[in-house]
Amino acid sequence: MHDPAFAALPQPPYYSVIFSSCRATVADGYERTAARMLELAAQQPGYLGVESARDAEGFGITVSYWASLEAISAWKAQAEHQLAQQAGQRRWYAHYELRIARVERAYGAAD
């Protein structure tokens, strides 16, 4: 049985975009924009899924999965996503890091 907290992914290889962030104190519009970005990403060619978590102090990690580097580049360049990125840099994040990795192997355990 698939746990909905985990992305249902194909067999590797594929790519992950790891976005680690510390939230700023300003949150106006953040939740609405984050939900819209998840909705919009899911419509992009090459999108495979997402997993995300945030702690009470505001540190979070979101990992999105993509079929190719070209799909990641297209998502980064998507106009509405670019506006959200700019708002995040200006208002919502005190600090963030973004990493892109190729997933070569994947395995897990089911309950």
PDB file of N, CA and C in Angstrom:
ATOM      1  N   MET A   1       0.848  -1.190   0.000  1.00  0.00           N
ATOM      2  CA  MET A   1       0.000   0.000   0.000  1.00  0.00           C
ATOM      3  C   MET A   1       0.886   1.244   0.000  1.00  0.00           C
ATOM      4  N   HIS A   2       0.572   2.197  -0.849  1.00  0.00           N
ATOM      5  CA  HIS A   2       1.358   3.421  -0.980  1.00  0.00           C
ATOM      6  C   HIS A   2       0.938   4.447   0.072  1.00  0.00           C
ATOM      7  N   ASP A   3       1.901   4.958   0.820  1.00  0.00           N
ATOM      8  CA  ASP A   3       1.661   6.024   1.796  1.00  0.00           C
ATOM      9  C   ASP A   3       1.588   7.346   1.025  1.00  0.00           C
ATOM     10  N   PRO A   4       0.480   8.101   1.129  1.00  0.00           N
ATOM     11  CA  PRO A   4       0.337   9.331   0.345  1.00  0.00           C
ATOM     12  C   PRO A   4       1.336  10.429   0.709  1.00  0.00           C
ATOM     13  N   ALA A   5       2.049  10.302   1.827  1.00  0.00           N
ATOM     14  CA  ALA A   5       3.073  11.285   2.176  1.00  0.00           C
ATOM     15  C   ALA A   5       4.307  11.135   1.288  1.00  0.00           C
ATOM     16  N   PHE A   6       4.436   9.975   0.647  1.00  0.00           N
ATOM     17  CA  PHE A   6       5.570   9.700  -0.221  1.00  0.00           C
ATOM     18  C   PHE A   6       5.141   9.788  -1.680  1.00  0.00           C
ATOM     19  N   ALA A   7       6.001  10.363  -2.508  1.00  0.00           N
ATOM     20  CA  ALA A   7       5.719  10.428  -3.941  1.00  0.00           C
ATOM     21  C   ALA A   7       5.774   9.023  -4.538  1.00  0.00           C
ATOM     22  N   ALA A   8       4.830   8.708  -5.401  1.00  0.00           N
ATOM     23  CA  ALA A   8       4.832   7.436  -6.140  1.00  0.00           C
ATOM     24  C   ALA A   8       5.702   7.640  -7.376  1.00  0.00           C
ATOM     25  N   LEU A   9       6.880   7.067  -7.363  1.00  0.00           N
ATOM     26  CA  LEU A   9       7.880   7.356  -8.390  1.00  0.00           C
ATOM     27  C   LEU A   9       8.176   6.147  -9.258  1.00  0.00           C
ATOM     28  N   PRO A  10       8.642   6.395 -10.485  1.00  0.00           N
ATOM     29  CA  PRO A  10       9.043   5.282 -11.354  1.00  0.00           C
ATOM     30  C   PRO A  10      10.402   4.734 -10.907  1.00  0.00           C
ATOM     31  N   GLN A  11      10.852   3.708 -11.548  1.00  0.00           N
ATOM     32  CA  GLN A  11      12.195   3.202 -11.300  1.00  0.00           C
ATOM     33  C   GLN A  11      13.212   4.247 -11.760  1.00  0.00           C
ATOM     34  N   PRO A  12      14.312   4.415 -11.029  1.00  0.00           N
ATOM     35  CA  PRO A  12      15.359   5.347 -11.458  1.00  0.00           C
ATOM     36  C   PRO A  12      15.960   4.900 -12.790  1.00  0.00           C
ATOM     37  N   PRO A  13      16.639   5.793 -13.481  1.00  0.00           N
ATOM     38  CA  PRO A  13      17.065   7.098 -12.993  1.00  0.00           C
ATOM     39  C   PRO A  13      16.022   8.190 -13.218  1.00  0.00           C
ATOM     40  N   TYR A  14      16.062   9.180 -12.361  1.00  0.00           N
ATOM     41  CA  TYR A  14      15.306  10.416 -12.476  1.00  0.00           C
ATOM     42  C   TYR A  14      16.044  11.452 -11.641  1.00  0.00           C
ATOM     43  N   TYR A  15      15.520  12.649 -11.552  1.00  0.00           N
ATOM     44  CA  TYR A  15      16.208  13.741 -10.871  1.00  0.00           C
ATOM     45  C   TYR A  15      15.391  14.244  -9.696  1.00  0.00           C
ATOM     46  N   SER A  16      16.110  14.743  -8.689  1.00  0.00           N
ATOM     47  CA  SER A  16      15.440  15.374  -7.559  1.00  0.00           C
ATOM     48  C   SER A  16      15.949  16.804  -7.418  1.00  0.00           C
ATOM     49  N   VAL A  17      15.035  17.688  -7.063  1.00  0.00           N
ATOM     50  CA  VAL A  17      15.370  19.066  -6.711  1.00  0.00           C
ATOM     51  C   VAL A  17      15.088  19.189  -5.222  1.00  0.00           C
ATOM     52  N   ILE A  18      16.130  19.436  -4.451  1.00  0.00           N
ATOM     53  CA  ILE A  18      16.035  19.488  -2.998  1.00  0.00           C
ATOM     54  C   ILE A  18      16.085  20.956  -2.584  1.00  0.00           C
ATOM     55  N   PHE A  19      14.983  21.437  -2.046  1.00  0.00           N
ATOM     56  CA  PHE A  19      14.864  22.831  -1.635  1.00  0.00           C
ATOM     57  C   PHE A  19      14.762  22.866  -0.120  1.00  0.00           C
ATOM     58  N   SER A  20      15.846  23.295   0.540  1.00  0.00           N
ATOM     59  CA  SER A  20      15.886  23.436   1.994  1.00  0.00           C
ATOM     60  C   SER A  20      15.740  24.916   2.310  1.00  0.00           C
ATOM     61  N   SER A  21      14.909  25.245   3.305  1.00  0.00           N
ATOM     62  CA  SER A  21      14.669  26.655   3.584  1.00  0.00           C
ATOM     63  C   SER A  21      14.381  26.915   5.053  1.00  0.00           C
ATOM     64  N   CYS A  22      14.719  28.138   5.461  1.00  0.00           N
ATOM     65  CA  CYS A  22      14.316  28.663   6.760  1.00  0.00           C
ATOM     66  C   CYS A  22      13.346  29.794   6.468  1.00  0.00           C
ATOM     67  N   ARG A  23      12.141  29.678   6.989  1.00  0.00           N
ATOM     68  CA  ARG A  23      11.124  30.699   6.748  1.00  0.00           C
ATOM     69  C   ARG A  23      11.445  31.982   7.493  1.00  0.00           C
ATOM     70  N   ALA A  24      11.102  33.088   6.884  1.00  0.00           N
ATOM     71  CA  ALA A  24      11.167  34.398   7.530  1.00  0.00           C
ATOM     72  C   ALA A  24       9.894  34.573   8.351  1.00  0.00           C
ATOM     73  N   THR A  25       9.812  35.653   9.082  1.00  0.00           N
ATOM     74  CA  THR A  25       8.628  35.884   9.911  1.00  0.00           C
ATOM     75  C   THR A  25       7.426  36.336   9.087  1.00  0.00           C
ATOM     76  N   VAL A  26       7.661  36.876   7.903  1.00  0.00           N
ATOM     77  CA  VAL A  26       6.573  37.316   7.037  1.00  0.00           C
ATOM     78  C   VAL A  26       5.976  36.100   6.334  1.00  0.00           C
ATOM     79  N   ALA A  27       4.681  35.894   6.511  1.00  0.00           N
ATOM     80  CA  ALA A  27       4.036  34.726   5.908  1.00  0.00           C
ATOM     81  C   ALA A  27       2.878  35.095   5.001  1.00  0.00           C
ATOM     82  N   ASP A  28       2.590  36.374   4.857  1.00  0.00           N
ATOM     83  CA  ASP A  28       1.446  36.833   4.081  1.00  0.00           C
ATOM     84  C   ASP A  28       1.475  36.277   2.661  1.00  0.00           C
ATOM     85  N   GLY A  29       0.496  35.444   2.338  1.00  0.00           N
ATOM     86  CA  GLY A  29       0.372  34.883   0.999  1.00  0.00           C
ATOM     87  C   GLY A  29       1.190  33.630   0.757  1.00  0.00           C
ATOM     88  N   TYR A  30       2.011  33.222   1.709  1.00  0.00           N
ATOM     89  CA  TYR A  30       2.896  32.082   1.500  1.00  0.00           C
ATOM     90  C   TYR A  30       2.124  30.788   1.257  1.00  0.00           C
ATOM     91  N   GLU A  31       1.198  30.454   2.135  1.00  0.00           N
ATOM     92  CA  GLU A  31       0.480  29.178   2.027  1.00  0.00           C
ATOM     93  C   GLU A  31      -0.279  29.072   0.706  1.00  0.00           C
ATOM     94  N   ARG A  32      -0.925  30.141   0.315  1.00  0.00           N
ATOM     95  CA  ARG A  32      -1.674  30.156  -0.942  1.00  0.00           C
ATOM     96  C   ARG A  32      -0.729  29.955  -2.134  1.00  0.00           C
ATOM     97  N   THR A  33       0.402  30.654  -2.113  1.00  0.00           N
ATOM     98  CA  THR A  33       1.367  30.532  -3.213  1.00  0.00           C
ATOM     99  C   THR A  33       1.991  29.149  -3.240  1.00  0.00           C
ATOM    100  N   ALA A  34       2.335  28.599  -2.076  1.00  0.00           N
ATOM    101  CA  ALA A  34       2.928  27.260  -2.019  1.00  0.00           C
ATOM    102  C   ALA A  34       1.964  26.221  -2.587  1.00  0.00           C
ATOM    103  N   ALA A  35       0.692  26.332  -2.230  1.00  0.00           N
ATOM    104  CA  ALA A  35      -0.311  25.397  -2.757  1.00  0.00           C
ATOM    105  C   ALA A  35      -0.437  25.543  -4.276  1.00  0.00           C
ATOM    106  N   ARG A  36      -0.410  26.764  -4.755  1.00  0.00           N
ATOM    107  CA  ARG A  36      -0.498  27.003  -6.202  1.00  0.00           C
ATOM    108  C   ARG A  36       0.722  26.427  -6.916  1.00  0.00           C
ATOM    109  N   MET A  37       1.906  26.554  -6.336  1.00  0.00           N
ATOM    110  CA  MET A  37       3.111  26.030  -6.975  1.00  0.00           C
ATOM    111  C   MET A  37       3.053  24.504  -7.062  1.00  0.00           C
ATOM    112  N   LEU A  38       2.535  23.847  -6.038  1.00  0.00           N
ATOM    113  CA  LEU A  38       2.382  22.388  -6.094  1.00  0.00           C
ATOM    114  C   LEU A  38       1.415  21.993  -7.211  1.00  0.00           C
ATOM    115  N   GLU A  39       0.323  22.731  -7.311  1.00  0.00           N
ATOM    116  CA  GLU A  39      -0.675  22.481  -8.360  1.00  0.00           C
ATOM    117  C   GLU A  39      -0.067  22.705  -9.746  1.00  0.00           C
ATOM    118  N   LEU A  40       0.656  23.801  -9.894  1.00  0.00           N
ATOM    119  CA  LEU A  40       1.249  24.157 -11.182  1.00  0.00           C
ATOM    120  C   LEU A  40       2.376  23.191 -11.566  1.00  0.00           C
ATOM    121  N   ALA A  41       3.211  22.816 -10.611  1.00  0.00           N
ATOM    122  CA  ALA A  41       4.301  21.877 -10.901  1.00  0.00           C
ATOM    123  C   ALA A  41       3.748  20.561 -11.427  1.00  0.00           C
ATOM    124  N   ALA A  42       2.652  20.102 -10.823  1.00  0.00           N
ATOM    125  CA  ALA A  42       2.054  18.824 -11.221  1.00  0.00           C
ATOM    126  C   ALA A  42       1.570  18.842 -12.669  1.00  0.00           C
ATOM    127  N   GLN A  43       1.391  20.015 -13.246  1.00  0.00           N
ATOM    128  CA  GLN A  43       0.947  20.141 -14.633  1.00  0.00           C
ATOM    129  C   GLN A  43       2.108  20.197 -15.624  1.00  0.00           C
ATOM    130  N   GLN A  44       3.335  20.278 -15.121  1.00  0.00           N
ATOM    131  CA  GLN A  44       4.502  20.455 -15.983  1.00  0.00           C
ATOM    132  C   GLN A  44       4.953  19.127 -16.577  1.00  0.00           C
ATOM    133  N   PRO A  45       5.308  19.116 -17.860  1.00  0.00           N
ATOM    134  CA  PRO A  45       5.873  17.902 -18.457  1.00  0.00           C
ATOM    135  C   PRO A  45       7.126  17.472 -17.692  1.00  0.00           C
ATOM    136  N   GLY A  46       7.219  16.200 -17.387  1.00  0.00           N
ATOM    137  CA  GLY A  46       8.389  15.673 -16.700  1.00  0.00           C
ATOM    138  C   GLY A  46       8.292  15.666 -15.185  1.00  0.00           C
ATOM    139  N   TYR A  47       7.234  16.242 -14.623  1.00  0.00           N
ATOM    140  CA  TYR A  47       7.045  16.226 -13.173  1.00  0.00           C
ATOM    141  C   TYR A  47       6.671  14.821 -12.731  1.00  0.00           C
ATOM    142  N   LEU A  48       7.307  14.340 -11.651  1.00  0.00           N
ATOM    143  CA  LEU A  48       7.038  12.991 -11.158  1.00  0.00           C
ATOM    144  C   LEU A  48       6.391  12.964  -9.781  1.00  0.00           C
ATOM    145  N   GLY A  49       6.633  13.981  -8.951  1.00  0.00           N
ATOM    146  CA  GLY A  49       6.046  13.990  -7.611  1.00  0.00           C
ATOM    147  C   GLY A  49       6.799  14.917  -6.682  1.00  0.00           C
ATOM    148  N   VAL A  50       6.305  14.985  -5.423  1.00  0.00           N
ATOM    149  CA  VAL A  50       6.912  15.877  -4.431  1.00  0.00           C
ATOM    150  C   VAL A  50       6.720  15.298  -3.032  1.00  0.00           C
ATOM    151  N   GLU A  51       7.671  15.597  -2.166  1.00  0.00           N
ATOM    152  CA  GLU A  51       7.589  15.273  -0.745  1.00  0.00           C
ATOM    153  C   GLU A  51       8.065  16.512   0.007  1.00  0.00           C
ATOM    154  N   SER A  52       7.404  16.835   1.127  1.00  0.00           N
ATOM    155  CA  SER A  52       7.732  18.064   1.823  1.00  0.00           C
ATOM    156  C   SER A  52       7.478  17.941   3.316  1.00  0.00           C
ATOM    157  N   ALA A  53       8.316  18.619   4.102  1.00  0.00           N
ATOM    158  CA  ALA A  53       8.136  18.651   5.555  1.00  0.00           C
ATOM    159  C   ALA A  53       8.697  19.972   6.080  1.00  0.00           C
ATOM    160  N   ARG A  54       8.082  20.473   7.166  1.00  0.00           N
ATOM    161  CA  ARG A  54       8.568  21.702   7.808  1.00  0.00           C
ATOM    162  C   ARG A  54       8.404  21.539   9.312  1.00  0.00           C
ATOM    163  N   ASP A  55       9.423  21.981  10.075  1.00  0.00           N
ATOM    164  CA  ASP A  55       9.329  21.858  11.522  1.00  0.00           C
ATOM    165  C   ASP A  55       8.731  23.124  12.151  1.00  0.00           C
ATOM    166  N   ALA A  56       8.504  23.093  13.439  1.00  0.00           N
ATOM    167  CA  ALA A  56       7.856  24.200  14.150  1.00  0.00           C
ATOM    168  C   ALA A  56       8.690  25.481  14.133  1.00  0.00           C
ATOM    169  N   GLU A  57       9.998  25.353  13.965  1.00  0.00           N
ATOM    170  CA  GLU A  57      10.868  26.538  13.932  1.00  0.00           C
ATOM    171  C   GLU A  57      10.967  27.163  12.543  1.00  0.00           C
ATOM    172  N   GLY A  58      10.350  26.532  11.532  1.00  0.00           N
ATOM    173  CA  GLY A  58      10.331  27.108  10.200  1.00  0.00           C
ATOM    174  C   GLY A  58      11.326  26.521   9.217  1.00  0.00           C
ATOM    175  N   PHE A  59      12.112  25.505   9.645  1.00  0.00           N
ATOM    176  CA  PHE A  59      13.024  24.849   8.708  1.00  0.00           C
ATOM    177  C   PHE A  59      12.253  23.802   7.924  1.00  0.00           C
ATOM    178  N   GLY A  60      12.397  23.820   6.602  1.00  0.00           N
ATOM    179  CA  GLY A  60      11.679  22.864   5.773  1.00  0.00           C
ATOM    180  C   GLY A  60      12.516  22.319   4.645  1.00  0.00           C
ATOM    181  N   ILE A  61      12.106  21.162   4.169  1.00  0.00           N
ATOM    182  CA  ILE A  61      12.729  20.553   3.001  1.00  0.00           C
ATOM    183  C   ILE A  61      11.612  20.088   2.075  1.00  0.00           C
ATOM    184  N   THR A  62      11.697  20.502   0.835  1.00  0.00           N
ATOM    185  CA  THR A  62      10.791  20.027  -0.204  1.00  0.00           C
ATOM    186  C   THR A  62      11.640  19.392  -1.285  1.00  0.00           C
ATOM    187  N   VAL A  63      11.303  18.161  -1.624  1.00  0.00           N
ATOM    188  CA  VAL A  63      12.016  17.451  -2.685  1.00  0.00           C
ATOM    189  C   VAL A  63      11.015  17.196  -3.805  1.00  0.00           C
ATOM    190  N   SER A  64      11.293  17.770  -4.962  1.00  0.00           N
ATOM    191  CA  SER A  64      10.462  17.473  -6.130  1.00  0.00           C
ATOM    192  C   SER A  64      11.266  16.570  -7.053  1.00  0.00           C
ATOM    193  N   TYR A  65      10.545  15.735  -7.788  1.00  0.00           N
ATOM    194  CA  TYR A  65      11.168  14.723  -8.636  1.00  0.00           C
ATOM    195  C   TYR A  65      10.785  14.978 -10.084  1.00  0.00           C
ATOM    196  N   TRP A  66      11.770  14.824 -10.966  1.00  0.00           N
ATOM    197  CA  TRP A  66      11.606  15.174 -12.376  1.00  0.00           C
ATOM    198  C   TRP A  66      12.242  14.120 -13.263  1.00  0.00           C
ATOM    199  N   ALA A  67      11.704  13.980 -14.454  1.00  0.00           N
ATOM    200  CA  ALA A  67      12.182  12.986 -15.412  1.00  0.00           C
ATOM    201  C   ALA A  67      13.513  13.379 -16.048  1.00  0.00           C
ATOM    202  N   SER A  68      13.801  14.687 -16.132  1.00  0.00           N
ATOM    203  CA  SER A  68      15.007  15.124 -16.842  1.00  0.00           C
ATOM    204  C   SER A  68      15.469  16.489 -16.340  1.00  0.00           C
ATOM    205  N   LEU A  69      16.708  16.815 -16.668  1.00  0.00           N
ATOM    206  CA  LEU A  69      17.227  18.150 -16.351  1.00  0.00           C
ATOM    207  C   LEU A  69      16.493  19.216 -17.154  1.00  0.00           C
ATOM    208  N   GLU A  70      16.075  18.854 -18.364  1.00  0.00           N
ATOM    209  CA  GLU A  70      15.323  19.806 -19.193  1.00  0.00           C
ATOM    210  C   GLU A  70      13.980  20.150 -18.542  1.00  0.00           C
ATOM    211  N   ALA A  71      13.322  19.161 -17.941  1.00  0.00           N
ATOM    212  CA  ALA A  71      12.054  19.411 -17.253  1.00  0.00           C
ATOM    213  C   ALA A  71      12.262  20.328 -16.052  1.00  0.00           C
ATOM    214  N   ILE A  72      13.368  20.144 -15.348  1.00  0.00           N
ATOM    215  CA  ILE A  72      13.689  21.018 -14.206  1.00  0.00           C
ATOM    216  C   ILE A  72      13.925  22.441 -14.693  1.00  0.00           C
ATOM    217  N   SER A  73      14.668  22.597 -15.769  1.00  0.00           N
ATOM    218  CA  SER A  73      14.942  23.932 -16.321  1.00  0.00           C
ATOM    219  C   SER A  73      13.662  24.616 -16.774  1.00  0.00           C
ATOM    220  N   ALA A  74      12.778  23.864 -17.402  1.00  0.00           N
ATOM    221  CA  ALA A  74      11.508  24.438 -17.857  1.00  0.00           C
ATOM    222  C   ALA A  74      10.675  24.892 -16.659  1.00  0.00           C
ATOM    223  N   TRP A  75      10.663  24.111 -15.590  1.00  0.00           N
ATOM    224  CA  TRP A  75       9.924  24.499 -14.385  1.00  0.00           C
ATOM    225  C   TRP A  75      10.526  25.756 -13.766  1.00  0.00           C
ATOM    226  N   LYS A  76      11.835  25.843 -13.693  1.00  0.00           N
ATOM    227  CA  LYS A  76      12.492  27.031 -13.137  1.00  0.00           C
ATOM    228  C   LYS A  76      12.136  28.273 -13.945  1.00  0.00           C
ATOM    229  N   ALA A  77      11.992  28.112 -15.252  1.00  0.00           N
ATOM    230  CA  ALA A  77      11.711  29.245 -16.134  1.00  0.00           C
ATOM    231  C   ALA A  77      10.226  29.574 -16.260  1.00  0.00           C
ATOM    232  N   GLN A  78       9.346  28.738 -15.718  1.00  0.00           N
ATOM    233  CA  GLN A  78       7.900  28.961 -15.840  1.00  0.00           C
ATOM    234  C   GLN A  78       7.551  30.313 -15.194  1.00  0.00           C
ATOM    235  N   ALA A  79       6.788  31.145 -15.899  1.00  0.00           N
ATOM    236  CA  ALA A  79       6.561  32.543 -15.503  1.00  0.00           C
ATOM    237  C   ALA A  79       5.964  32.694 -14.101  1.00  0.00           C
ATOM    238  N   GLU A  80       4.910  31.978 -13.787  1.00  0.00           N
ATOM    239  CA  GLU A  80       4.277  32.105 -12.473  1.00  0.00           C
ATOM    240  C   GLU A  80       5.212  31.601 -11.370  1.00  0.00           C
ATOM    241  N   HIS A  81       5.969  30.563 -11.665  1.00  0.00           N
ATOM    242  CA  HIS A  81       6.950  30.045 -10.712  1.00  0.00           C
ATOM    243  C   HIS A  81       8.058  31.073 -10.471  1.00  0.00           C
ATOM    244  N   GLN A  82       8.479  31.788 -11.505  1.00  0.00           N
ATOM    245  CA  GLN A  82       9.499  32.825 -11.339  1.00  0.00           C
ATOM    246  C   GLN A  82       9.019  33.930 -10.400  1.00  0.00           C
ATOM    247  N   LEU A  83       7.749  34.319 -10.523  1.00  0.00           N
ATOM    248  CA  LEU A  83       7.195  35.325  -9.615  1.00  0.00           C
ATOM    249  C   LEU A  83       7.204  34.827  -8.173  1.00  0.00           C
ATOM    250  N   ALA A  84       6.853  33.568  -7.968  1.00  0.00           N
ATOM    251  CA  ALA A  84       6.872  32.983  -6.627  1.00  0.00           C
ATOM    252  C   ALA A  84       8.296  32.925  -6.083  1.00  0.00           C
ATOM    253  N   GLN A  85       9.257  32.584  -6.944  1.00  0.00           N
ATOM    254  CA  GLN A  85      10.656  32.559  -6.513  1.00  0.00           C
ATOM    255  C   GLN A  85      11.097  33.938  -6.030  1.00  0.00           C
ATOM    256  N   GLN A  86      10.736  34.963  -6.770  1.00  0.00           N
ATOM    257  CA  GLN A  86      11.108  36.328  -6.398  1.00  0.00           C
ATOM    258  C   GLN A  86      10.471  36.734  -5.071  1.00  0.00           C
ATOM    259  N   ALA A  87       9.208  36.389  -4.876  1.00  0.00           N
ATOM    260  CA  ALA A  87       8.535  36.703  -3.611  1.00  0.00           C
ATOM    261  C   ALA A  87       9.208  35.958  -2.460  1.00  0.00           C
ATOM    262  N   GLY A  88       9.580  34.709  -2.685  1.00  0.00           N
ATOM    263  CA  GLY A  88      10.266  33.944  -1.656  1.00  0.00           C
ATOM    264  C   GLY A  88      11.581  34.583  -1.260  1.00  0.00           C
ATOM    265  N   GLN A  89      12.341  35.009  -2.235  1.00  0.00           N
ATOM    266  CA  GLN A  89      13.638  35.648  -1.961  1.00  0.00           C
ATOM    267  C   GLN A  89      13.462  36.964  -1.211  1.00  0.00           C
ATOM    268  N   ARG A  90      12.443  37.712  -1.544  1.00  0.00           N
ATOM    269  CA  ARG A  90      12.212  39.019  -0.916  1.00  0.00           C
ATOM    270  C   ARG A  90      11.556  38.929   0.452  1.00  0.00           C
ATOM    271  N   ARG A  91      10.588  37.975   0.623  1.00  0.00           N
ATOM    272  CA  ARG A  91       9.735  38.041   1.811  1.00  0.00           C
ATOM    273  C   ARG A  91       9.678  36.779   2.651  1.00  0.00           C
ATOM    274  N   TRP A  92       9.657  35.614   2.058  1.00  0.00           N
ATOM    275  CA  TRP A  92       9.263  34.416   2.789  1.00  0.00           C
ATOM    276  C   TRP A  92      10.412  33.582   3.344  1.00  0.00           C
ATOM    277  N   TYR A  93      11.614  33.747   2.809  1.00  0.00           N
ATOM    278  CA  TYR A  93      12.718  32.908   3.255  1.00  0.00           C
ATOM    279  C   TYR A  93      13.852  33.748   3.829  1.00  0.00           C
ATOM    280  N   ALA A  94      14.272  33.382   5.048  1.00  0.00           N
ATOM    281  CA  ALA A  94      15.453  34.006   5.642  1.00  0.00           C
ATOM    282  C   ALA A  94      16.707  33.446   4.972  1.00  0.00           C
ATOM    283  N   HIS A  95      16.637  32.172   4.593  1.00  0.00           N
ATOM    284  CA  HIS A  95      17.755  31.514   3.911  1.00  0.00           C
ATOM    285  C   HIS A  95      17.215  30.293   3.182  1.00  0.00           C
ATOM    286  N   TYR A  96      17.819  29.962   2.050  1.00  0.00           N
ATOM    287  CA  TYR A  96      17.449  28.717   1.361  1.00  0.00           C
ATOM    288  C   TYR A  96      18.636  28.188   0.581  1.00  0.00           C
ATOM    289  N   GLU A  97      18.588  26.911   0.305  1.00  0.00           N
ATOM    290  CA  GLU A  97      19.578  26.221  -0.531  1.00  0.00           C
ATOM    291  C   GLU A  97      18.799  25.328  -1.489  1.00  0.00           C
ATOM    292  N   LEU A  98      19.274  25.240  -2.716  1.00  0.00           N
ATOM    293  CA  LEU A  98      18.655  24.378  -3.711  1.00  0.00           C
ATOM    294  C   LEU A  98      19.734  23.469  -4.289  1.00  0.00           C
ATOM    295  N   ARG A  99      19.431  22.186  -4.337  1.00  0.00           N
ATOM    296  CA  ARG A  99      20.370  21.213  -4.870  1.00  0.00           C
ATOM    297  C   ARG A  99      19.637  20.318  -5.874  1.00  0.00           C
ATOM    298  N   ILE A 100      20.336  19.949  -6.921  1.00  0.00           N
ATOM    299  CA  ILE A 100      19.769  19.057  -7.934  1.00  0.00           C
ATOM    300  C   ILE A 100      20.635  17.806  -7.978  1.00  0.00           C
ATOM    301  N   ALA A 101      19.980  16.645  -7.929  1.00  0.00           N
ATOM    302  CA  ALA A 101      20.720  15.383  -7.918  1.00  0.00           C
ATOM    303  C   ALA A 101      20.051  14.373  -8.840  1.00  0.00           C
ATOM    304  N   ARG A 102      20.851  13.501  -9.392  1.00  0.00           N
ATOM    305  CA  ARG A 102      20.333  12.383 -10.188  1.00  0.00           C
ATOM    306  C   ARG A 102      20.144  11.193  -9.245  1.00  0.00           C
ATOM    307  N   VAL A 103      18.958  10.637  -9.237  1.00  0.00           N
ATOM    308  CA  VAL A 103      18.671   9.461  -8.423  1.00  0.00           C
ATOM    309  C   VAL A 103      19.014   8.234  -9.235  1.00  0.00           C
ATOM    310  N   GLU A 104      19.967   7.468  -8.746  1.00  0.00           N
ATOM    311  CA  GLU A 104      20.431   6.259  -9.423  1.00  0.00           C
ATOM    312  C   GLU A 104      19.750   5.013  -8.901  1.00  0.00           C
ATOM    313  N   ARG A 105      19.476   4.987  -7.589  1.00  0.00           N
ATOM    314  CA  ARG A 105      18.826   3.847  -6.954  1.00  0.00           C
ATOM    315  C   ARG A 105      17.814   4.365  -5.957  1.00  0.00           C
ATOM    316  N   ALA A 106      16.753   3.583  -5.748  1.00  0.00           N
ATOM    317  CA  ALA A 106      15.734   3.930  -4.763  1.00  0.00           C
ATOM    318  C   ALA A 106      15.122   2.653  -4.236  1.00  0.00           C
ATOM    319  N   TYR A 107      14.930   2.592  -2.939  1.00  0.00           N
ATOM    320  CA  TYR A 107      14.268   1.451  -2.324  1.00  0.00           C
ATOM    321  C   TYR A 107      13.702   1.909  -0.987  1.00  0.00           C
ATOM    322  N   GLY A 108      12.797   1.130  -0.432  1.00  0.00           N
ATOM    323  CA  GLY A 108      12.186   1.458   0.848  1.00  0.00           C
ATOM    324  C   GLY A 108      11.503   0.258   1.433  1.00  0.00           C
ATOM    325  N   ALA A 109      10.883   0.472   2.565  1.00  0.00           N
ATOM    326  CA  ALA A 109      10.159  -0.601   3.263  1.00  0.00           C
ATOM    327  C   ALA A 109       8.715  -0.169   3.452  1.00  0.00           C
ATOM    328  N   ALA A 110       7.817  -1.067   3.241  1.00  0.00           N
ATOM    329  CA  ALA A 110       6.392  -0.808   3.451  1.00  0.00           C
ATOM    330  C   ALA A 110       6.002  -1.311   4.829  1.00  0.00           C
ATOM    331  N   ASP A 111       5.007  -0.684   5.390  1.00  0.00           N
ATOM    332  CA  ASP A 111       4.503  -1.141   6.707  1.00  0.00           C
ATOM    333  C   ASP A 111       3.843  -2.489   6.607  1.00  0.00           C
TER     334      ASP A 111
END
